PDB file of N, CA and C in Angstrom:
ATOM      1  N   MET A   1       0.036 -13.292  -3.242  1.00  0.00           N
ATOM      2  CA  MET A   1       0.104 -13.668  -1.854  1.00  0.00           C
ATOM      3  C   MET A   1       1.572 -13.499  -1.206  1.00  0.00           C
ATOM      4  N   SER A   2       1.616 -12.806  -0.201  1.00  0.00           N
ATOM      5  CA  SER A   2       3.181 -12.394   0.626  1.00  0.00           C
ATOM      6  C   SER A   2       3.778 -13.585   1.020  1.00  0.00           C
ATOM      7  N   ASP A   3       4.885 -13.728   1.038  1.00  0.00           N
ATOM      8  CA  ASP A   3       5.657 -14.988   1.729  1.00  0.00           C
ATOM      9  C   ASP A   3       5.130 -14.857   3.344  1.00  0.00           C
ATOM     10  N   ILE A   4       4.827 -13.788   4.431  1.00  0.00           N
ATOM     11  CA  ILE A   4       4.389 -13.664   5.428  1.00  0.00           C
ATOM     12  C   ILE A   4       2.801 -14.551   5.586  1.00  0.00           C
ATOM     13  N   ALA A   5       2.077 -14.230   4.587  1.00  0.00           N
ATOM     14  CA  ALA A   5       0.739 -14.741   4.406  1.00  0.00           C
ATOM     15  C   ALA A   5       0.688 -16.013   4.631  1.00  0.00           C
ATOM     16  N   ASN A   6       1.688 -16.724   3.505  1.00  0.00           N
ATOM     17  CA  ASN A   6       1.891 -17.818   3.408  1.00  0.00           C
ATOM     18  C   ASN A   6       2.288 -18.840   4.401  1.00  0.00           C
ATOM     19  N   GLU A   7       3.464 -18.152   5.268  1.00  0.00           N
ATOM     20  CA  GLU A   7       4.022 -18.828   6.482  1.00  0.00           C
ATOM     21  C   GLU A   7       2.955 -19.095   7.564  1.00  0.00           C
ATOM     22  N   VAL A   8       1.885 -17.571   7.592  1.00  0.00           N
ATOM     23  CA  VAL A   8       0.959 -17.876   8.824  1.00  0.00           C
ATOM     24  C   VAL A   8      -0.226 -18.979   8.116  1.00  0.00           C
ATOM     25  N   ARG A   9      -0.317 -19.169   6.846  1.00  0.00           N
ATOM     26  CA  ARG A   9      -0.873 -20.230   6.823  1.00  0.00           C
ATOM     27  C   ARG A   9      -0.910 -21.580   6.901  1.00  0.00           C
ATOM     28  N   LYS A  10       0.451 -21.773   6.454  1.00  0.00           N
ATOM     29  CA  LYS A  10       1.339 -23.024   7.174  1.00  0.00           C
ATOM     30  C   LYS A  10       1.110 -23.153   8.596  1.00  0.00           C
ATOM     31  N   THR A  11       1.308 -22.396   9.144  1.00  0.00           N
ATOM     32  CA  THR A  11       1.670 -22.632  10.780  1.00  0.00           C
ATOM     33  C   THR A  11       0.017 -22.928  11.236  1.00  0.00           C
ATOM     34  N   LEU A  12      -1.034 -21.998  10.567  1.00  0.00           N
ATOM     35  CA  LEU A  12      -2.549 -22.452  10.604  1.00  0.00           C
ATOM     36  C   LEU A  12      -2.802 -23.972  10.577  1.00  0.00           C
ATOM     37  N   LEU A  13      -2.195 -24.522   9.493  1.00  0.00           N
ATOM     38  CA  LEU A  13      -2.524 -25.488   9.056  1.00  0.00           C
ATOM     39  C   LEU A  13      -1.712 -26.667   9.522  1.00  0.00           C
ATOM     40  N   GLN A  14      -0.472 -26.462  10.185  1.00  0.00           N
ATOM     41  CA  GLN A  14       0.023 -27.202  10.964  1.00  0.00           C
ATOM     42  C   GLN A  14      -0.647 -27.456  12.439  1.00  0.00           C
ATOM     43  N   HIS A  15      -1.247 -26.509  13.075  1.00  0.00           N
ATOM     44  CA  HIS A  15      -2.001 -26.349  14.389  1.00  0.00           C
ATOM     45  C   HIS A  15      -3.182 -27.026  13.857  1.00  0.00           C
ATOM     46  N   ILE A  16      -4.083 -27.227  12.807  1.00  0.00           N
ATOM     47  CA  ILE A  16      -4.884 -27.627  13.011  1.00  0.00           C
ATOM     48  C   ILE A  16      -4.955 -29.374  12.695  1.00  0.00           C
ATOM     49  N   THR A  17      -3.687 -29.584  11.919  1.00  0.00           N
ATOM     50  CA  THR A  17      -3.431 -31.077  11.574  1.00  0.00           C
ATOM     51  C   THR A  17      -2.666 -31.663  11.899  1.00  0.00           C
ATOM     52  N   GLY A  18      -1.920 -30.990  13.170  1.00  0.00           N
ATOM     53  CA  GLY A  18      -0.932 -31.498  13.938  1.00  0.00           C
ATOM     54  C   GLY A  18      -1.027 -32.953  14.706  1.00  0.00           C
ATOM     55  N   PRO A  19       0.001 -33.493  15.207  1.00  0.00           N
ATOM     56  CA  PRO A  19      -0.279 -34.597  16.041  1.00  0.00           C
ATOM     57  C   PRO A  19      -1.467 -34.568  16.979  1.00  0.00           C
ATOM     58  N   ARG A  20      -1.682 -33.170  17.661  1.00  0.00           N
ATOM     59  CA  ARG A  20      -2.754 -33.184  18.623  1.00  0.00           C
ATOM     60  C   ARG A  20      -3.636 -32.147  18.136  1.00  0.00           C
ATOM     61  N   GLY A  21      -4.255 -32.889  17.134  1.00  0.00           N
ATOM     62  CA  GLY A  21      -5.700 -32.015  16.392  1.00  0.00           C
ATOM     63  C   GLY A  21      -6.617 -32.289  17.329  1.00  0.00           C
ATOM     64  N   GLY A  22      -7.737 -31.539  16.644  1.00  0.00           N
ATOM     65  CA  GLY A  22      -9.071 -31.538  17.199  1.00  0.00           C
ATOM     66  C   GLY A  22      -9.097 -30.358  18.373  1.00  0.00           C
ATOM     67  N   LEU A  23      -9.857 -30.721  19.738  1.00  0.00           N
ATOM     68  CA  LEU A  23      -9.704 -29.655  20.683  1.00  0.00           C
ATOM     69  C   LEU A  23      -8.534 -29.129  21.398  1.00  0.00           C
ATOM     70  N   PHE A  24      -7.688 -30.178  21.226  1.00  0.00           N
ATOM     71  CA  PHE A  24      -6.113 -29.565  21.709  1.00  0.00           C
ATOM     72  C   PHE A  24      -5.616 -28.413  20.936  1.00  0.00           C
ATOM     73  N   ALA A  25      -6.219 -28.567  19.552  1.00  0.00           N
ATOM     74  CA  ALA A  25      -5.521 -27.771  18.681  1.00  0.00           C
ATOM     75  C   ALA A  25      -6.223 -26.413  18.870  1.00  0.00           C
ATOM     76  N   LEU A  26      -7.361 -25.966  19.857  1.00  0.00           N
ATOM     77  CA  LEU A  26      -7.909 -24.898  19.800  1.00  0.00           C
ATOM     78  C   LEU A  26      -7.137 -23.502  20.385  1.00  0.00           C
ATOM     79  N   GLY A  27      -6.216 -24.048  21.238  1.00  0.00           N
ATOM     80  CA  GLY A  27      -5.325 -22.917  21.757  1.00  0.00           C
ATOM     81  C   GLY A  27      -4.433 -22.570  20.880  1.00  0.00           C
ATOM     82  N   GLY A  28      -3.721 -23.740  19.883  1.00  0.00           N
ATOM     83  CA  GLY A  28      -2.796 -23.064  18.927  1.00  0.00           C
ATOM     84  C   GLY A  28      -3.424 -22.636  17.532  1.00  0.00           C
ATOM     85  N   LEU A  29      -5.062 -22.863  17.310  1.00  0.00           N
ATOM     86  CA  LEU A  29      -5.698 -22.559  16.321  1.00  0.00           C
ATOM     87  C   LEU A  29      -5.979 -20.675  16.625  1.00  0.00           C
ATOM     88  N   SER A  30      -6.140 -20.328  17.891  1.00  0.00           N
ATOM     89  CA  SER A  30      -6.294 -19.237  18.315  1.00  0.00           C
ATOM     90  C   SER A  30      -5.241 -18.180  18.122  1.00  0.00           C
ATOM     91  N   GLY A  31      -4.011 -18.990  18.667  1.00  0.00           N
ATOM     92  CA  GLY A  31      -2.949 -18.258  18.589  1.00  0.00           C
ATOM     93  C   GLY A  31      -2.440 -18.153  17.097  1.00  0.00           C
ATOM     94  N   ALA A  32      -2.723 -19.049  16.384  1.00  0.00           N
ATOM     95  CA  ALA A  32      -2.582 -18.976  14.752  1.00  0.00           C
ATOM     96  C   ALA A  32      -3.315 -17.786  14.291  1.00  0.00           C
ATOM     97  N   ALA A  33      -4.626 -17.721  14.650  1.00  0.00           N
ATOM     98  CA  ALA A  33      -5.739 -16.860  13.934  1.00  0.00           C
ATOM     99  C   ALA A  33      -4.996 -15.248  14.715  1.00  0.00           C
ATOM    100  N   CYS A  34      -4.691 -15.162  15.788  1.00  0.00           N
ATOM    101  CA  CYS A  34      -4.070 -13.630  16.262  1.00  0.00           C
ATOM    102  C   CYS A  34      -2.794 -13.546  15.204  1.00  0.00           C
ATOM    103  N   MET A  35      -1.950 -14.583  15.051  1.00  0.00           N
ATOM    104  CA  MET A  35      -0.932 -14.071  14.459  1.00  0.00           C
ATOM    105  C   MET A  35      -0.837 -13.878  13.070  1.00  0.00           C
ATOM    106  N   TYR A  36      -2.193 -14.504  12.165  1.00  0.00           N
ATOM    107  CA  TYR A  36      -2.739 -14.006  10.878  1.00  0.00           C
ATOM    108  C   TYR A  36      -3.039 -12.839  10.747  1.00  0.00           C
ATOM    109  N   PHE A  37      -3.897 -12.566  12.038  1.00  0.00           N
ATOM    110  CA  PHE A  37      -4.429 -10.967  12.020  1.00  0.00           C
ATOM    111  C   PHE A  37      -3.502 -10.188  12.061  1.00  0.00           C
ATOM    112  N   PHE A  38      -2.579 -10.134  13.087  1.00  0.00           N
ATOM    113  CA  PHE A  38      -1.348  -9.362  13.285  1.00  0.00           C
ATOM    114  C   PHE A  38      -0.507  -9.495  11.949  1.00  0.00           C
ATOM    115  N   MET A  39       0.057 -10.301  11.294  1.00  0.00           N
ATOM    116  CA  MET A  39       0.304 -10.188  10.278  1.00  0.00           C
ATOM    117  C   MET A  39      -0.222  -9.431   8.797  1.00  0.00           C
ATOM    118  N   ALA A  40      -1.850  -9.900   9.025  1.00  0.00           N
ATOM    119  CA  ALA A  40      -2.500  -8.861   7.795  1.00  0.00           C
ATOM    120  C   ALA A  40      -2.206  -7.440   8.481  1.00  0.00           C
ATOM    121  N   HIS A  41      -2.645  -7.230   9.670  1.00  0.00           N
ATOM    122  CA  HIS A  41      -2.768  -5.666   9.926  1.00  0.00           C
ATOM    123  C   HIS A  41      -1.187  -5.050   9.591  1.00  0.00           C
ATOM    124  N   THR A  42      -0.095  -5.824  10.006  1.00  0.00           N
ATOM    125  CA  THR A  42       1.220  -5.022   9.723  1.00  0.00           C
ATOM    126  C   THR A  42       1.507  -5.165   8.173  1.00  0.00           C
ATOM    127  N   GLN A  43       0.786  -6.028   7.321  1.00  0.00           N
ATOM    128  CA  GLN A  43       1.151  -5.750   6.020  1.00  0.00           C
ATOM    129  C   GLN A  43       0.248  -4.675   5.492  1.00  0.00           C
ATOM    130  N   ILE A  44      -1.146  -4.359   6.356  1.00  0.00           N
ATOM    131  CA  ILE A  44      -1.897  -3.138   5.721  1.00  0.00           C
ATOM    132  C   ILE A  44      -1.372  -2.058   5.621  1.00  0.00           C
ATOM    133  N   ALA A  45      -1.075  -1.962   7.161  1.00  0.00           N
ATOM    134  CA  ALA A  45      -0.052  -0.812   7.555  1.00  0.00           C
ATOM    135  C   ALA A  45       1.017  -0.361   6.759  1.00  0.00           C
ATOM    136  N   GLU A  46       2.121  -1.175   5.962  1.00  0.00           N
ATOM    137  CA  GLU A  46       2.848  -1.399   5.191  1.00  0.00           C
ATOM    138  C   GLU A  46       2.741  -0.576   3.828  1.00  0.00           C
ATOM    139  N   MET A  47       1.368  -1.254   3.571  1.00  0.00           N
ATOM    140  CA  MET A  47       0.813  -0.885   2.236  1.00  0.00           C
ATOM    141  C   MET A  47       0.267   0.662   2.084  1.00  0.00           C
ATOM    142  N   GLU A  48      -0.390   0.891   3.327  1.00  0.00           N
ATOM    143  CA  GLU A  48      -0.677   2.383   3.411  1.00  0.00           C
ATOM    144  C   GLU A  48       0.364   3.368   3.629  1.00  0.00           C
ATOM    145  N   ARG A  49       1.462   3.013   4.296  1.00  0.00           N
ATOM    146  CA  ARG A  49       2.314   3.775   3.894  1.00  0.00           C
ATOM    147  C   ARG A  49       3.269   3.900   2.911  1.00  0.00           C
ATOM    148  N   HIS A  50       3.238   2.945   2.111  1.00  0.00           N
ATOM    149  CA  HIS A  50       3.775   2.780   0.408  1.00  0.00           C
ATOM    150  C   HIS A  50       2.679   3.683  -0.196  1.00  0.00           C
ATOM    151  N   TYR A  51       1.503   3.500  -0.104  1.00  0.00           N
ATOM    152  CA  TYR A  51       0.437   4.201  -0.897  1.00  0.00           C
ATOM    153  C   TYR A  51       0.526   6.297  -0.699  1.00  0.00           C
ATOM    154  N   ASN A  52       0.966   6.030   0.812  1.00  0.00           N
ATOM    155  CA  ASN A  52       0.823   7.607   1.308  1.00  0.00           C
ATOM    156  C   ASN A  52       2.217   8.285   0.254  1.00  0.00           C
ATOM    157  N   SER A  53       2.996   7.173   0.689  1.00  0.00           N
ATOM    158  CA  SER A  53       4.492   8.066  -0.040  1.00  0.00           C
ATOM    159  C   SER A  53       4.581   8.169  -1.553  1.00  0.00           C
ATOM    160  N   GLN A  54       3.663   7.215  -2.335  1.00  0.00           N
ATOM    161  CA  GLN A  54       3.760   7.493  -3.724  1.00  0.00           C
ATOM    162  C   GLN A  54       2.375   8.357  -3.904  1.00  0.00           C
ATOM    163  N   VAL A  55       1.551   8.888  -3.183  1.00  0.00           N
ATOM    164  CA  VAL A  55       0.841  10.092  -3.654  1.00  0.00           C
ATOM    165  C   VAL A  55       1.503  11.408  -3.212  1.00  0.00           C
ATOM    166  N   SER A  56       2.471  11.272  -2.133  1.00  0.00           N
ATOM    167  CA  SER A  56       3.246  12.381  -2.309  1.00  0.00           C
ATOM    168  C   SER A  56       3.991  12.839  -3.167  1.00  0.00           C
ATOM    169  N   LEU A  57       4.750  11.614  -3.802  1.00  0.00           N
ATOM    170  CA  LEU A  57       5.509  12.065  -4.776  1.00  0.00           C
ATOM    171  C   LEU A  57       4.602  12.334  -6.056  1.00  0.00           C
ATOM    172  N   LEU A  58       3.602  12.194  -6.614  1.00  0.00           N
ATOM    173  CA  LEU A  58       2.826  12.446  -7.479  1.00  0.00           C
ATOM    174  C   LEU A  58       2.131  13.895  -7.327  1.00  0.00           C
ATOM    175  N   GLN A  59       1.734  13.983  -5.821  1.00  0.00           N
ATOM    176  CA  GLN A  59       1.317  15.604  -5.420  1.00  0.00           C
ATOM    177  C   GLN A  59       2.386  16.428  -5.967  1.00  0.00           C
ATOM    178  N   GLY A  60       3.780  16.092  -5.545  1.00  0.00           N
ATOM    179  CA  GLY A  60       5.255  16.827  -5.999  1.00  0.00           C
ATOM    180  C   GLY A  60       4.993  17.109  -7.532  1.00  0.00           C
ATOM    181  N   ARG A  61       4.847  16.041  -8.032  1.00  0.00           N
ATOM    182  CA  ARG A  61       4.939  16.044  -9.332  1.00  0.00           C
ATOM    183  C   ARG A  61       3.886  17.126 -10.357  1.00  0.00           C
ATOM    184  N   VAL A  62       2.546  16.778  -9.784  1.00  0.00           N
ATOM    185  CA  VAL A  62       1.481  17.608  -9.942  1.00  0.00           C
ATOM    186  C   VAL A  62       1.815  19.021  -9.853  1.00  0.00           C
ATOM    187  N   GLU A  63       2.347  19.540  -8.749  1.00  0.00           N
ATOM    188  CA  GLU A  63       3.050  20.930  -8.229  1.00  0.00           C
ATOM    189  C   GLU A  63       3.670  21.393  -9.622  1.00  0.00           C
ATOM    190  N   VAL A  64       4.943  20.528  -9.892  1.00  0.00           N
ATOM    191  CA  VAL A  64       5.816  20.852 -11.066  1.00  0.00           C
ATOM    192  C   VAL A  64       5.116  21.037 -12.260  1.00  0.00           C
ATOM    193  N   LEU A  65       4.344  20.483 -12.647  1.00  0.00           N
ATOM    194  CA  LEU A  65       3.395  20.351 -13.611  1.00  0.00           C
ATOM    195  C   LEU A  65       2.549  21.568 -13.797  1.00  0.00           C
ATOM    196  N   GLU A  66       2.058  22.020 -12.725  1.00  0.00           N
ATOM    197  CA  GLU A  66       1.055  23.097 -12.785  1.00  0.00           C
ATOM    198  C   GLU A  66       2.043  24.405 -13.046  1.00  0.00           C
ATOM    199  N   LYS A  67       3.147  24.511 -12.562  1.00  0.00           N
ATOM    200  CA  LYS A  67       4.024  25.631 -12.535  1.00  0.00           C
ATOM    201  C   LYS A  67       4.457  25.783 -13.991  1.00  0.00           C
ATOM    202  N   GLU A  68       4.768  24.555 -14.663  1.00  0.00           N
ATOM    203  CA  GLU A  68       5.328  24.594 -15.993  1.00  0.00           C
ATOM    204  C   GLU A  68       4.047  25.008 -16.760  1.00  0.00           C
ATOM    205  N   ASN A  69       2.985  24.521 -16.809  1.00  0.00           N
ATOM    206  CA  ASN A  69       1.858  24.854 -17.531  1.00  0.00           C
ATOM    207  C   ASN A  69       1.329  26.374 -17.319  1.00  0.00           C
ATOM    208  N   GLY A  70       1.493  26.907 -16.068  1.00  0.00           N
ATOM    209  CA  GLY A  70       1.627  28.495 -15.928  1.00  0.00           C
ATOM    210  C   GLY A  70       2.223  29.057 -16.826  1.00  0.00           C
ATOM    211  N   ARG A  71       3.511  28.682 -16.978  1.00  0.00           N
ATOM    212  CA  ARG A  71       5.134  29.666 -17.694  1.00  0.00           C
ATOM    213  C   ARG A  71       4.113  29.400 -18.966  1.00  0.00           C
ATOM    214  N   ILE A  72       4.034  28.084 -19.373  1.00  0.00           N
ATOM    215  CA  ILE A  72       3.599  27.878 -21.084  1.00  0.00           C
ATOM    216  C   ILE A  72       2.134  28.641 -21.429  1.00  0.00           C
ATOM    217  N   HIS A  73       1.452  29.004 -20.427  1.00  0.00           N
ATOM    218  CA  HIS A  73       0.080  29.412 -20.187  1.00  0.00           C
ATOM    219  C   HIS A  73       0.720  31.261 -20.598  1.00  0.00           C
ATOM    220  N   GLU A  74       1.359  31.736 -19.877  1.00  0.00           N
ATOM    221  CA  GLU A  74       1.975  33.086 -20.088  1.00  0.00           C
ATOM    222  C   GLU A  74       2.753  33.404 -21.479  1.00  0.00           C
ATOM    223  N   ARG A  75       3.337  32.193 -21.472  1.00  0.00           N
ATOM    224  CA  ARG A  75       4.098  32.317 -22.814  1.00  0.00           C
ATOM    225  C   ARG A  75       3.323  32.708 -24.029  1.00  0.00           C
ATOM    226  N   LEU A  76       2.222  31.733 -24.214  1.00  0.00           N
ATOM    227  CA  LEU A  76       1.417  31.798 -25.176  1.00  0.00           C
ATOM    228  C   LEU A  76       0.736  33.255 -25.377  1.00  0.00           C
ATOM    229  N   GLU A  77       0.407  33.693 -24.043  1.00  0.00           N
ATOM    230  CA  GLU A  77      -0.521  34.977 -24.061  1.00  0.00           C
ATOM    231  C   GLU A  77       0.295  35.878 -24.583  1.00  0.00           C
ATOM    232  N   GLU A  78       1.717  35.876 -24.326  1.00  0.00           N
ATOM    233  CA  GLU A  78       2.793  36.934 -24.922  1.00  0.00           C
ATOM    234  C   GLU A  78       2.692  36.871 -26.214  1.00  0.00           C
ATOM    235  N   ILE A  79       2.796  35.454 -26.945  1.00  0.00           N
ATOM    236  CA  ILE A  79       2.728  35.312 -28.361  1.00  0.00           C
ATOM    237  C   ILE A  79       1.567  35.882 -28.913  1.00  0.00           C
ATOM    238  N   ALA A  80       0.389  35.713 -28.412  1.00  0.00           N
ATOM    239  CA  ALA A  80      -0.839  36.208 -28.928  1.00  0.00           C
ATOM    240  C   ALA A  80      -0.942  37.602 -28.781  1.00  0.00           C
ATOM    241  N   LEU A  81      -0.611  38.231 -27.538  1.00  0.00           N
ATOM    242  CA  LEU A  81      -0.975  39.809 -27.916  1.00  0.00           C
ATOM    243  C   LEU A  81       0.003  40.414 -28.845  1.00  0.00           C
ATOM    244  N   LYS A  82       1.440  39.858 -28.872  1.00  0.00           N
ATOM    245  CA  LYS A  82       2.247  40.312 -29.803  1.00  0.00           C
ATOM    246  C   LYS A  82       1.847  40.163 -31.655  1.00  0.00           C
ATOM    247  N   ARG A  83       1.151  39.003 -31.861  1.00  0.00           N
ATOM    248  CA  ARG A  83       0.451  38.942 -33.043  1.00  0.00           C
ATOM    249  C   ARG A  83      -0.746  39.825 -33.284  1.00  0.00           C
ATOM    250  N   ILE A  84      -1.677  40.204 -32.398  1.00  0.00           N
ATOM    251  CA  ILE A  84      -2.603  41.089 -32.140  1.00  0.00           C
ATOM    252  C   ILE A  84      -1.767  42.646 -32.828  1.00  0.00           C
ATOM    253  N   ASP A  85      -0.772  42.903 -31.972  1.00  0.00           N
ATOM    254  CA  ASP A  85      -0.023  44.490 -31.989  1.00  0.00           C
ATOM    255  C   ASP A  85       0.104  44.349 -33.476  1.00  0.00           C
TER     256      ASP A  85
END
């Protein structure tokens, strides 16, 4: 679990068990829930950006490997044709 999520959980727990617990905590509780939602949404967005950057890197590597595979394939065809002749 991330540090942000742990901080949000601590804040939520403080609002629930604080000196003004019970019904008075509802305002703080909803605020903490909103903060937790915002932090979770932010973390998901960061993870999505990281995932997309990793996908881009891998796609670049795949393109390089496909080009290399094409060169190797052509070279093997040349070698095979020389042996046939």
